[in-house]
């Protein structure tokens, strides 16, 4: 993924990463296309994921999804 393709993702899909609480679950979503891209957004996504995992582990069940176009 490059910066232009990421921008198209943001324009079409929205945020690269997100969290939803539903039915007693924490659902974390990340942009699979960022993984291994080397973009600053990849580092931000990893940081966010680490924060969320630390915040929500030990309580509700957590699911991680990686939607990809």
PDB file of N, CA and C in Angstrom:
ATOM      1  N   UNK A   1       0.856  -1.172   0.000  1.00  0.00           N
ATOM      2  CA  UNK A   1       0.000   0.000   0.000  1.00  0.00           C
ATOM      3  C   UNK A   1       0.898   1.229   0.000  1.00  0.00           C
ATOM      4  N   UNK A   2       0.486   2.229  -0.738  1.00  0.00           N
ATOM      5  CA  UNK A   2       1.189   3.504  -0.718  1.00  0.00           C
ATOM      6  C   UNK A   2       0.230   4.574  -0.192  1.00  0.00           C
ATOM      7  N   UNK A   3       0.722   5.789  -0.060  1.00  0.00           N
ATOM      8  CA  UNK A   3      -0.074   6.867   0.536  1.00  0.00           C
ATOM      9  C   UNK A   3      -1.335   7.172  -0.275  1.00  0.00           C
ATOM     10  N   UNK A   4      -1.247   7.122  -1.595  1.00  0.00           N
ATOM     11  CA  UNK A   4      -2.420   7.417  -2.430  1.00  0.00           C
ATOM     12  C   UNK A   4      -3.497   6.342  -2.261  1.00  0.00           C
ATOM     13  N   UNK A   5      -3.077   5.094  -2.220  1.00  0.00           N
ATOM     14  CA  UNK A   5      -4.037   4.008  -2.052  1.00  0.00           C
ATOM     15  C   UNK A   5      -4.689   4.082  -0.669  1.00  0.00           C
ATOM     16  N   UNK A   6      -3.899   4.419   0.336  1.00  0.00           N
ATOM     17  CA  UNK A   6      -4.459   4.579   1.679  1.00  0.00           C
ATOM     18  C   UNK A   6      -5.495   5.687   1.691  1.00  0.00           C
ATOM     19  N   UNK A   7      -5.221   6.782   1.021  1.00  0.00           N
ATOM     20  CA  UNK A   7      -6.176   7.881   0.993  1.00  0.00           C
ATOM     21  C   UNK A   7      -7.482   7.453   0.335  1.00  0.00           C
ATOM     22  N   UNK A   8      -7.393   6.641  -0.714  1.00  0.00           N
ATOM     23  CA  UNK A   8      -8.618   6.117  -1.338  1.00  0.00           C
ATOM     24  C   UNK A   8      -9.396   5.264  -0.342  1.00  0.00           C
ATOM     25  N   UNK A   9      -8.671   4.450   0.451  1.00  0.00           N
ATOM     26  CA  UNK A   9      -9.313   3.641   1.495  1.00  0.00           C
ATOM     27  C   UNK A   9     -10.052   4.550   2.471  1.00  0.00           C
ATOM     28  N   UNK A  10      -9.367   5.586   2.957  1.00  0.00           N
ATOM     29  CA  UNK A  10      -9.974   6.495   3.922  1.00  0.00           C
ATOM     30  C   UNK A  10     -11.203   7.181   3.343  1.00  0.00           C
ATOM     31  N   UNK A  11     -11.114   7.578   2.073  1.00  0.00           N
ATOM     32  CA  UNK A  11     -12.230   8.255   1.422  1.00  0.00           C
ATOM     33  C   UNK A  11     -13.424   7.330   1.227  1.00  0.00           C
ATOM     34  N   UNK A  12     -13.163   6.050   1.004  1.00  0.00           N
ATOM     35  CA  UNK A  12     -14.220   5.089   0.702  1.00  0.00           C
ATOM     36  C   UNK A  12     -14.744   4.386   1.945  1.00  0.00           C
ATOM     37  N   UNK A  13     -13.830   3.871   2.765  1.00  0.00           N
ATOM     38  CA  UNK A  13     -14.195   3.028   3.897  1.00  0.00           C
ATOM     39  C   UNK A  13     -14.254   3.812   5.198  1.00  0.00           C
ATOM     40  N   UNK A  14     -13.308   4.707   5.387  1.00  0.00           N
ATOM     41  CA  UNK A  14     -13.225   5.451   6.638  1.00  0.00           C
ATOM     42  C   UNK A  14     -11.941   5.109   7.368  1.00  0.00           C
ATOM     43  N   UNK A  15     -11.987   5.187   8.665  1.00  0.00           N
ATOM     44  CA  UNK A  15     -10.797   5.029   9.510  1.00  0.00           C
ATOM     45  C   UNK A  15     -10.060   3.717   9.245  1.00  0.00           C
ATOM     46  N   UNK A  16      -8.739   3.758   9.411  1.00  0.00           N
ATOM     47  CA  UNK A  16      -7.911   2.561   9.260  1.00  0.00           C
ATOM     48  C   UNK A  16      -8.173   1.547  10.363  1.00  0.00           C
ATOM     49  N   UNK A  17      -8.505   2.006  11.538  1.00  0.00           N
ATOM     50  CA  UNK A  17      -8.728   1.110  12.661  1.00  0.00           C
ATOM     51  C   UNK A  17      -9.885   1.631  13.493  1.00  0.00           C
ATOM     52  N   UNK A  18     -10.566   0.712  14.159  1.00  0.00           N
ATOM     53  CA  UNK A  18     -11.751   1.080  14.913  1.00  0.00           C
ATOM     54  C   UNK A  18     -12.071   0.042  15.972  1.00  0.00           C
ATOM     55  N   UNK A  19     -12.947   0.404  16.884  1.00  0.00           N
ATOM     56  CA  UNK A  19     -13.386  -0.455  17.984  1.00  0.00           C
ATOM     57  C   UNK A  19     -14.896  -0.352  18.104  1.00  0.00           C
ATOM     58  N   UNK A  20     -15.536  -1.507  18.282  1.00  0.00           N
ATOM     59  CA  UNK A  20     -16.978  -1.568  18.523  1.00  0.00           C
ATOM     60  C   UNK A  20     -17.201  -2.500  19.698  1.00  0.00           C
ATOM     61  N   UNK A  21     -18.069  -2.108  20.602  1.00  0.00           N
ATOM     62  CA  UNK A  21     -18.485  -2.985  21.686  1.00  0.00           C
ATOM     63  C   UNK A  21     -19.879  -3.487  21.354  1.00  0.00           C
ATOM     64  N   UNK A  22     -20.025  -4.821  21.287  1.00  0.00           N
ATOM     65  CA  UNK A  22     -21.310  -5.390  20.899  1.00  0.00           C
ATOM     66  C   UNK A  22     -21.504  -6.754  21.557  1.00  0.00           C
ATOM     67  N   UNK A  23     -22.639  -6.933  22.174  1.00  0.00           N
ATOM     68  CA  UNK A  23     -22.981  -8.231  22.735  1.00  0.00           C
ATOM     69  C   UNK A  23     -21.966  -8.781  23.712  1.00  0.00           C
ATOM     70  N   UNK A  24     -21.347  -7.911  24.496  1.00  0.00           N
ATOM     71  CA  UNK A  24     -20.359  -8.343  25.463  1.00  0.00           C
ATOM     72  C   UNK A  24     -18.961  -8.535  24.890  1.00  0.00           C
ATOM     73  N   UNK A  25     -18.779  -8.259  23.620  1.00  0.00           N
ATOM     74  CA  UNK A  25     -17.480  -8.398  22.945  1.00  0.00           C
ATOM     75  C   UNK A  25     -16.894  -7.036  22.632  1.00  0.00           C
ATOM     76  N   UNK A  26     -15.571  -6.997  22.569  1.00  0.00           N
ATOM     77  CA  UNK A  26     -14.831  -5.867  22.023  1.00  0.00           C
ATOM     78  C   UNK A  26     -14.363  -6.328  20.643  1.00  0.00           C
ATOM     79  N   UNK A  27     -14.751  -5.627  19.611  1.00  0.00           N
ATOM     80  CA  UNK A  27     -14.330  -5.969  18.249  1.00  0.00           C
ATOM     81  C   UNK A  27     -13.380  -4.883  17.775  1.00  0.00           C
ATOM     82  N   UNK A  28     -12.136  -5.277  17.494  1.00  0.00           N
ATOM     83  CA  UNK A  28     -11.123  -4.361  16.987  1.00  0.00           C
ATOM     84  C   UNK A  28     -10.945  -4.641  15.499  1.00  0.00           C
ATOM     85  N   UNK A  29     -10.954  -3.601  14.710  1.00  0.00           N
ATOM     86  CA  UNK A  29     -10.727  -3.740  13.277  1.00  0.00           C
ATOM     87  C   UNK A  29      -9.503  -2.946  12.863  1.00  0.00           C
ATOM     88  N   UNK A  30      -8.663  -3.555  12.037  1.00  0.00           N
ATOM     89  CA  UNK A  30      -7.483  -2.863  11.511  1.00  0.00           C
ATOM     90  C   UNK A  30      -7.439  -3.032   9.997  1.00  0.00           C
ATOM     91  N   UNK A  31      -6.801  -2.092   9.330  1.00  0.00           N
ATOM     92  CA  UNK A  31      -6.641  -2.124   7.885  1.00  0.00           C
ATOM     93  C   UNK A  31      -5.501  -3.085   7.536  1.00  0.00           C
ATOM     94  N   UNK A  32      -5.842  -4.256   7.037  1.00  0.00           N
ATOM     95  CA  UNK A  32      -4.842  -5.283   6.715  1.00  0.00           C
ATOM     96  C   UNK A  32      -3.858  -4.810   5.654  1.00  0.00           C
ATOM     97  N   UNK A  33      -4.264  -3.898   4.800  1.00  0.00           N
ATOM     98  CA  UNK A  33      -3.388  -3.427   3.733  1.00  0.00           C
ATOM     99  C   UNK A  33      -2.232  -2.584   4.257  1.00  0.00           C
ATOM    100  N   UNK A  34      -2.351  -2.074   5.483  1.00  0.00           N
ATOM    101  CA  UNK A  34      -1.256  -1.292   6.064  1.00  0.00           C
ATOM    102  C   UNK A  34      -0.124  -2.175   6.576  1.00  0.00           C
ATOM    103  N   UNK A  35      -0.441  -3.418   6.929  1.00  0.00           N
ATOM    104  CA  UNK A  35       0.551  -4.306   7.523  1.00  0.00           C
ATOM    105  C   UNK A  35       1.714  -4.525   6.564  1.00  0.00           C
ATOM    106  N   UNK A  36       2.903  -4.195   7.025  1.00  0.00           N
ATOM    107  CA  UNK A  36       4.101  -4.342   6.208  1.00  0.00           C
ATOM    108  C   UNK A  36       4.321  -3.225   5.201  1.00  0.00           C
ATOM    109  N   UNK A  37       3.507  -2.171   5.253  1.00  0.00           N
ATOM    110  CA  UNK A  37       3.604  -1.089   4.272  1.00  0.00           C
ATOM    111  C   UNK A  37       4.761  -0.128   4.555  1.00  0.00           C
ATOM    112  N   UNK A  38       5.143  -0.014   5.815  1.00  0.00           N
ATOM    113  CA  UNK A  38       6.179   0.943   6.182  1.00  0.00           C
ATOM    114  C   UNK A  38       5.680   2.375   6.306  1.00  0.00           C
ATOM    115  N   UNK A  39       4.399   2.608   6.064  1.00  0.00           N
ATOM    116  CA  UNK A  39       3.827   3.947   6.196  1.00  0.00           C
ATOM    117  C   UNK A  39       3.726   4.336   7.672  1.00  0.00           C
ATOM    118  N   UNK A  40       3.750   5.624   7.937  1.00  0.00           N
ATOM    119  CA  UNK A  40       3.564   6.093   9.311  1.00  0.00           C
ATOM    120  C   UNK A  40       2.235   5.609   9.874  1.00  0.00           C
ATOM    121  N   UNK A  41       1.241   5.492   9.015  1.00  0.00           N
ATOM    122  CA  UNK A  41      -0.074   5.031   9.450  1.00  0.00           C
ATOM    123  C   UNK A  41      -0.011   3.597   9.975  1.00  0.00           C
ATOM    124  N   UNK A  42       0.917   2.791   9.451  1.00  0.00           N
ATOM    125  CA  UNK A  42       1.072   1.425   9.969  1.00  0.00           C
ATOM    126  C   UNK A  42       1.544   1.476  11.419  1.00  0.00           C
ATOM    127  N   UNK A  43       2.534   2.293  11.706  1.00  0.00           N
ATOM    128  CA  UNK A  43       3.045   2.422  13.070  1.00  0.00           C
ATOM    129  C   UNK A  43       1.947   2.930  14.004  1.00  0.00           C
ATOM    130  N   UNK A  44       1.159   3.883  13.530  1.00  0.00           N
ATOM    131  CA  UNK A  44       0.066   4.417  14.345  1.00  0.00           C
ATOM    132  C   UNK A  44      -0.972   3.334  14.625  1.00  0.00           C
ATOM    133  N   UNK A  45      -1.250   2.521  13.617  1.00  0.00           N
ATOM    134  CA  UNK A  45      -2.226   1.446  13.788  1.00  0.00           C
ATOM    135  C   UNK A  45      -1.721   0.416  14.807  1.00  0.00           C
ATOM    136  N   UNK A  46      -0.433   0.017  14.726  1.00  0.00           N
ATOM    137  CA  UNK A  46       0.143  -0.926  15.687  1.00  0.00           C
ATOM    138  C   UNK A  46       0.085  -0.346  17.097  1.00  0.00           C
ATOM    139  N   UNK A  47       0.402   0.932  17.232  1.00  0.00           N
ATOM    140  CA  UNK A  47       0.374   1.585  18.536  1.00  0.00           C
ATOM    141  C   UNK A  47      -1.042   1.555  19.107  1.00  0.00           C
ATOM    142  N   UNK A  48      -2.011   1.924  18.285  1.00  0.00           N
ATOM    143  CA  UNK A  48      -3.412   1.918  18.708  1.00  0.00           C
ATOM    144  C   UNK A  48      -3.831   0.509  19.119  1.00  0.00           C
ATOM    145  N   UNK A  49      -3.463  -0.499  18.326  1.00  0.00           N
ATOM    146  CA  UNK A  49      -3.845  -1.878  18.620  1.00  0.00           C
ATOM    147  C   UNK A  49      -3.250  -2.323  19.963  1.00  0.00           C
ATOM    148  N   UNK A  50      -1.995  -1.984  20.198  1.00  0.00           N
ATOM    149  CA  UNK A  50      -1.369  -2.318  21.478  1.00  0.00           C
ATOM    150  C   UNK A  50      -2.068  -1.665  22.655  1.00  0.00           C
ATOM    151  N   UNK A  51      -2.433  -0.405  22.502  1.00  0.00           N
ATOM    152  CA  UNK A  51      -3.155   0.305  23.558  1.00  0.00           C
ATOM    153  C   UNK A  51      -4.497  -0.361  23.844  1.00  0.00           C
ATOM    154  N   UNK A  52      -5.230  -0.690  22.778  1.00  0.00           N
ATOM    155  CA  UNK A  52      -6.550  -1.292  22.953  1.00  0.00           C
ATOM    156  C   UNK A  52      -6.453  -2.679  23.567  1.00  0.00           C
ATOM    157  N   UNK A  53      -5.479  -3.468  23.132  1.00  0.00           N
ATOM    158  CA  UNK A  53      -5.301  -4.808  23.681  1.00  0.00           C
ATOM    159  C   UNK A  53      -4.977  -4.716  25.174  1.00  0.00           C
ATOM    160  N   UNK A  54      -4.114  -3.793  25.546  1.00  0.00           N
ATOM    161  CA  UNK A  54      -3.779  -3.610  26.949  1.00  0.00           C
ATOM    162  C   UNK A  54      -4.963  -3.141  27.773  1.00  0.00           C
ATOM    163  N   UNK A  55      -5.782  -2.334  27.193  1.00  0.00           N
ATOM    164  CA  UNK A  55      -6.936  -1.767  27.898  1.00  0.00           C
ATOM    165  C   UNK A  55      -8.051  -2.795  28.080  1.00  0.00           C
ATOM    166  N   UNK A  56      -8.228  -3.691  27.112  1.00  0.00           N
ATOM    167  CA  UNK A  56      -9.399  -4.565  27.118  1.00  0.00           C
ATOM    168  C   UNK A  56      -9.102  -6.021  27.456  1.00  0.00           C
ATOM    169  N   UNK A  57      -7.858  -6.407  27.529  1.00  0.00           N
ATOM    170  CA  UNK A  57      -7.539  -7.796  27.895  1.00  0.00           C
ATOM    171  C   UNK A  57      -7.859  -8.004  29.373  1.00  0.00           C
ATOM    172  N   UNK A  58      -8.411  -9.159  29.677  1.00  0.00           N
ATOM    173  CA  UNK A  58      -8.719  -9.479  31.055  1.00  0.00           C
ATOM    174  C   UNK A  58     -10.157  -9.190  31.431  1.00  0.00           C
ATOM    175  N   UNK A  59     -10.912  -8.625  30.544  1.00  0.00           N
ATOM    176  CA  UNK A  59     -12.317  -8.331  30.816  1.00  0.00           C
ATOM    177  C   UNK A  59     -13.196  -9.053  29.818  1.00  0.00           C
ATOM    178  N   UNK A  60     -13.731  -8.306  28.902  1.00  0.00           N
ATOM    179  CA  UNK A  60     -14.600  -8.854  27.867  1.00  0.00           C
ATOM    180  C   UNK A  60     -13.782  -9.620  26.830  1.00  0.00           C
ATOM    181  N   UNK A  61     -14.419 -10.564  26.146  1.00  0.00           N
ATOM    182  CA  UNK A  61     -13.719 -11.219  25.041  1.00  0.00           C
ATOM    183  C   UNK A  61     -13.422 -10.212  23.935  1.00  0.00           C
ATOM    184  N   UNK A  62     -12.291 -10.407  23.252  1.00  0.00           N
ATOM    185  CA  UNK A  62     -11.844  -9.498  22.196  1.00  0.00           C
ATOM    186  C   UNK A  62     -11.719 -10.261  20.888  1.00  0.00           C
ATOM    187  N   UNK A  63     -12.239  -9.680  19.820  1.00  0.00           N
ATOM    188  CA  UNK A  63     -12.076 -10.228  18.472  1.00  0.00           C
ATOM    189  C   UNK A  63     -11.326  -9.215  17.639  1.00  0.00           C
ATOM    190  N   UNK A  64     -10.393  -9.687  16.828  1.00  0.00           N
ATOM    191  CA  UNK A  64      -9.646  -8.832  15.908  1.00  0.00           C
ATOM    192  C   UNK A  64     -10.029  -9.207  14.496  1.00  0.00           C
ATOM    193  N   UNK A  65     -10.469  -8.218  13.730  1.00  0.00           N
ATOM    194  CA  UNK A  65     -10.772  -8.476  12.324  1.00  0.00           C
ATOM    195  C   UNK A  65      -9.868  -7.604  11.464  1.00  0.00           C
ATOM    196  N   UNK A  66      -9.529  -8.109  10.303  1.00  0.00           N
ATOM    197  CA  UNK A  66      -8.621  -7.409   9.396  1.00  0.00           C
ATOM    198  C   UNK A  66      -9.243  -7.330   8.010  1.00  0.00           C
ATOM    199  N   UNK A  67     -10.245  -6.468   7.836  1.00  0.00           N
ATOM    200  CA  UNK A  67     -10.871  -6.359   6.525  1.00  0.00           C
ATOM    201  C   UNK A  67      -9.876  -5.908   5.470  1.00  0.00           C
ATOM    202  N   UNK A  68     -10.050  -6.424   4.297  1.00  0.00           N
ATOM    203  CA  UNK A  68      -9.143  -6.115   3.188  1.00  0.00           C
ATOM    204  C   UNK A  68      -9.969  -6.010   1.919  1.00  0.00           C
ATOM    205  N   UNK A  69      -9.712  -4.980   1.104  1.00  0.00           N
ATOM    206  CA  UNK A  69     -10.484  -4.866  -0.131  1.00  0.00           C
ATOM    207  C   UNK A  69     -10.166  -5.981  -1.101  1.00  0.00           C
TER     208      UNK A  69
END
